N, C-alpha and C. Protein backbone atom coordinates (compact mmCIF):
# COMPACT_ATOMS: atom_id res chain seq x y z
N UNK A 1 -4.90 3.91 -0.66
CA UNK A 1 -4.21 3.85 0.61
C UNK A 1 -4.06 2.38 1.03
N UNK A 2 -2.91 2.08 1.54
CA UNK A 2 -2.68 0.75 2.10
C UNK A 2 -2.34 0.92 3.57
N UNK A 3 -2.52 -0.14 4.33
CA UNK A 3 -2.22 -0.12 5.76
C UNK A 3 -0.95 -0.90 6.03
N UNK A 4 -0.06 -0.29 6.82
CA UNK A 4 1.19 -0.92 7.23
C UNK A 4 1.29 -0.85 8.73
N UNK A 5 2.24 -1.59 9.30
CA UNK A 5 2.40 -1.67 10.75
C UNK A 5 3.77 -1.13 11.14
N UNK A 6 3.77 -0.09 11.95
CA UNK A 6 5.02 0.48 12.44
C UNK A 6 5.71 -0.49 13.39
N UNK A 7 7.02 -0.35 13.47
CA UNK A 7 7.78 -1.13 14.44
C UNK A 7 7.91 -0.28 15.71
N UNK A 8 6.91 -0.33 16.54
CA UNK A 8 6.95 0.34 17.83
C UNK A 8 6.31 -0.59 18.86
N UNK A 9 6.27 -0.17 20.09
CA UNK A 9 5.74 -1.04 21.14
C UNK A 9 4.28 -1.40 20.91
N UNK A 10 3.52 -0.47 20.35
CA UNK A 10 2.08 -0.68 20.14
C UNK A 10 1.76 -1.36 18.82
N UNK A 11 2.76 -1.54 17.95
CA UNK A 11 2.53 -2.08 16.59
C UNK A 11 1.43 -1.28 15.90
N UNK A 12 1.63 0.02 15.85
CA UNK A 12 0.65 0.96 15.32
C UNK A 12 0.41 0.74 13.83
N UNK A 13 -0.86 0.61 13.46
CA UNK A 13 -1.25 0.53 12.05
C UNK A 13 -1.39 1.96 11.53
N UNK A 14 -0.95 2.19 10.31
CA UNK A 14 -1.14 3.50 9.69
C UNK A 14 -1.40 3.31 8.21
N UNK A 15 -2.06 4.30 7.63
CA UNK A 15 -2.34 4.23 6.20
C UNK A 15 -1.36 5.13 5.47
N UNK A 16 -1.03 4.71 4.26
CA UNK A 16 -0.10 5.47 3.44
C UNK A 16 -0.57 5.38 1.99
N UNK A 17 -0.45 6.48 1.29
CA UNK A 17 -0.79 6.48 -0.13
C UNK A 17 0.34 5.74 -0.84
N UNK A 18 0.02 4.60 -1.42
CA UNK A 18 1.05 3.77 -2.04
C UNK A 18 1.73 4.46 -3.20
N UNK A 19 1.09 5.46 -3.76
CA UNK A 19 1.70 6.19 -4.87
C UNK A 19 2.80 7.12 -4.40
N UNK A 20 2.89 7.36 -3.09
CA UNK A 20 3.96 8.19 -2.54
C UNK A 20 5.19 7.36 -2.16
N UNK A 21 5.10 6.05 -2.29
CA UNK A 21 6.23 5.18 -1.96
C UNK A 21 7.20 5.17 -3.14
N UNK A 22 8.45 5.50 -2.86
CA UNK A 22 9.48 5.46 -3.89
C UNK A 22 10.15 4.10 -3.95
N UNK A 23 10.61 3.63 -2.78
CA UNK A 23 11.29 2.33 -2.72
C UNK A 23 10.92 1.60 -1.44
N UNK A 24 11.09 0.29 -1.49
CA UNK A 24 10.93 -0.56 -0.31
C UNK A 24 12.18 -1.42 -0.25
N UNK A 25 12.86 -1.38 0.90
CA UNK A 25 14.08 -2.16 1.08
C UNK A 25 13.88 -3.19 2.17
N UNK A 26 14.49 -4.34 1.97
CA UNK A 26 14.48 -5.35 3.02
C UNK A 26 15.31 -4.85 4.19
N UNK A 27 14.88 -5.17 5.39
CA UNK A 27 15.60 -4.79 6.59
C UNK A 27 15.85 -6.05 7.41
N UNK A 28 16.48 -5.90 8.52
CA UNK A 28 16.81 -7.02 9.38
C UNK A 28 15.54 -7.63 9.99
N UNK A 29 15.49 -8.95 10.05
CA UNK A 29 14.39 -9.64 10.71
C UNK A 29 13.08 -9.66 9.94
N UNK A 30 13.13 -9.61 8.64
CA UNK A 30 11.92 -9.67 7.84
C UNK A 30 11.14 -8.38 7.79
N UNK A 31 11.72 -7.30 8.29
CA UNK A 31 11.08 -6.00 8.27
C UNK A 31 11.45 -5.29 6.98
N UNK A 32 10.81 -4.15 6.74
CA UNK A 32 11.10 -3.38 5.53
C UNK A 32 11.23 -1.91 5.87
N UNK A 33 12.04 -1.21 5.08
CA UNK A 33 12.13 0.24 5.15
C UNK A 33 11.41 0.80 3.93
N UNK A 34 10.44 1.66 4.19
CA UNK A 34 9.65 2.27 3.13
C UNK A 34 10.10 3.72 2.99
N UNK A 35 10.57 4.08 1.79
CA UNK A 35 11.03 5.44 1.50
C UNK A 35 9.94 6.14 0.70
N UNK A 36 9.54 7.33 1.15
CA UNK A 36 8.49 8.06 0.47
C UNK A 36 9.04 9.26 -0.29
N UNK A 37 8.20 9.82 -1.14
CA UNK A 37 8.62 10.93 -1.98
C UNK A 37 8.86 12.24 -1.22
N UNK A 38 8.45 12.30 0.05
CA UNK A 38 8.72 13.50 0.84
C UNK A 38 9.94 13.32 1.75
N UNK A 39 10.70 12.25 1.52
CA UNK A 39 11.94 12.04 2.25
C UNK A 39 11.82 11.24 3.54
N UNK A 40 10.62 10.86 3.92
CA UNK A 40 10.44 10.09 5.15
C UNK A 40 10.75 8.62 4.90
N UNK A 41 11.24 7.97 5.96
CA UNK A 41 11.52 6.53 5.91
C UNK A 41 10.80 5.89 7.09
N UNK A 42 10.01 4.87 6.79
CA UNK A 42 9.28 4.14 7.82
C UNK A 42 9.81 2.71 7.87
N UNK A 43 10.09 2.21 9.07
CA UNK A 43 10.41 0.80 9.22
C UNK A 43 9.12 0.11 9.62
N UNK A 44 8.73 -0.89 8.84
CA UNK A 44 7.45 -1.55 9.05
C UNK A 44 7.63 -3.06 9.21
N UNK A 45 6.61 -3.69 9.78
CA UNK A 45 6.66 -5.12 10.06
C UNK A 45 6.48 -5.97 8.81
N UNK A 46 5.83 -5.42 7.79
CA UNK A 46 5.55 -6.18 6.58
C UNK A 46 6.82 -6.37 5.74
N UNK A 47 6.85 -7.49 5.04
CA UNK A 47 7.97 -7.75 4.14
C UNK A 47 7.75 -7.00 2.83
N UNK A 48 8.79 -6.94 2.02
CA UNK A 48 8.70 -6.34 0.69
C UNK A 48 7.57 -6.97 -0.11
N UNK A 49 7.51 -8.29 -0.08
CA UNK A 49 6.51 -9.03 -0.83
C UNK A 49 5.09 -8.71 -0.34
N UNK A 50 4.92 -8.63 0.97
CA UNK A 50 3.59 -8.31 1.53
C UNK A 50 3.15 -6.90 1.11
N UNK A 51 4.08 -5.96 1.12
CA UNK A 51 3.75 -4.59 0.71
C UNK A 51 3.36 -4.58 -0.76
N UNK A 52 4.11 -5.27 -1.59
CA UNK A 52 3.77 -5.35 -3.02
C UNK A 52 2.40 -5.97 -3.24
N UNK A 53 2.09 -7.01 -2.49
CA UNK A 53 0.77 -7.65 -2.60
C UNK A 53 -0.34 -6.69 -2.20
N UNK A 54 -0.12 -5.90 -1.15
CA UNK A 54 -1.12 -4.92 -0.73
C UNK A 54 -1.34 -3.87 -1.81
N UNK A 55 -0.27 -3.42 -2.43
CA UNK A 55 -0.39 -2.41 -3.49
C UNK A 55 -1.15 -2.98 -4.68
N UNK A 56 -0.79 -4.18 -5.09
CA UNK A 56 -1.46 -4.81 -6.23
C UNK A 56 -2.94 -5.02 -5.93
N UNK A 57 -3.25 -5.49 -4.74
CA UNK A 57 -4.64 -5.72 -4.35
C UNK A 57 -5.43 -4.42 -4.35
N UNK A 58 -4.84 -3.35 -3.82
CA UNK A 58 -5.53 -2.06 -3.77
C UNK A 58 -5.78 -1.53 -5.19
N UNK A 59 -4.76 -1.61 -6.04
CA UNK A 59 -4.91 -1.15 -7.42
C UNK A 59 -5.99 -1.97 -8.15
N UNK A 60 -6.02 -3.27 -7.91
CA UNK A 60 -7.03 -4.13 -8.53
C UNK A 60 -8.42 -3.72 -8.08
N UNK A 61 -8.57 -3.37 -6.82
CA UNK A 61 -9.86 -2.93 -6.29
C UNK A 61 -10.31 -1.64 -6.99
N UNK A 62 -9.38 -0.71 -7.17
CA UNK A 62 -9.71 0.55 -7.84
C UNK A 62 -10.17 0.28 -9.28
N UNK A 63 -9.44 -0.57 -9.99
CA UNK A 63 -9.79 -0.89 -11.37
C UNK A 63 -11.15 -1.59 -11.43
N UNK A 64 -11.38 -2.52 -10.52
CA UNK A 64 -12.65 -3.25 -10.49
C UNK A 64 -13.82 -2.29 -10.28
N UNK A 65 -13.67 -1.35 -9.34
CA UNK A 65 -14.73 -0.37 -9.09
C UNK A 65 -14.99 0.50 -10.31
N UNK A 66 -13.92 0.90 -10.98
CA UNK A 66 -14.06 1.74 -12.18
C UNK A 66 -14.79 1.00 -13.29
N UNK A 67 -14.46 -0.26 -13.46
CA UNK A 67 -15.13 -1.06 -14.50
C UNK A 67 -16.61 -1.23 -14.18
N UNK A 68 -16.92 -1.53 -12.91
CA UNK A 68 -18.33 -1.68 -12.51
C UNK A 68 -19.09 -0.39 -12.73
N UNK A 69 -18.49 0.75 -12.39
CA UNK A 69 -19.15 2.03 -12.58
C UNK A 69 -19.38 2.31 -14.06
N UNK A 70 -18.38 2.03 -14.88
CA UNK A 70 -18.51 2.24 -16.33
C UNK A 70 -19.62 1.35 -16.91
N UNK A 71 -19.70 0.12 -16.46
CA UNK A 71 -20.75 -0.79 -16.94
C UNK A 71 -22.13 -0.31 -16.53
N UNK A 72 -22.25 0.19 -15.31
CA UNK A 72 -23.53 0.71 -14.83
C UNK A 72 -23.95 1.93 -15.65
N UNK A 73 -22.98 2.78 -15.97
CA UNK A 73 -23.28 3.98 -16.74
C UNK A 73 -23.69 3.63 -18.18
N UNK A 74 -23.10 2.61 -18.76
CA UNK A 74 -23.47 2.23 -20.12
C UNK A 74 -24.86 1.59 -20.16
N UNK A 75 -25.28 0.97 -19.06
CA UNK A 75 -26.62 0.38 -19.00
C UNK A 75 -27.69 1.47 -18.96
N UNK A 76 -27.35 2.63 -18.43
CA UNK A 76 -28.30 3.72 -18.30
C UNK A 76 -28.51 4.46 -19.62
N UNK A 77 -27.61 4.25 -20.57
CA UNK A 77 -27.71 4.97 -21.84
C UNK A 77 -28.69 4.30 -22.77
């Protein structure tokens, strides 16, 4: 899950499963439109590049945790 910021008065943060994102389009004023696999479109404050960085960082964290867990399990054998 990554966190994005809605374009509303409160600048609401919300989490979204990045694997449900189909496309990200640039919008006016440095904003982005996020299209999901269930047909929803969110306009968010983050740029395309920022969203991509969040996805890459999250995926890297998952991989890092998996490697650490695998190493711990091999030490127990």
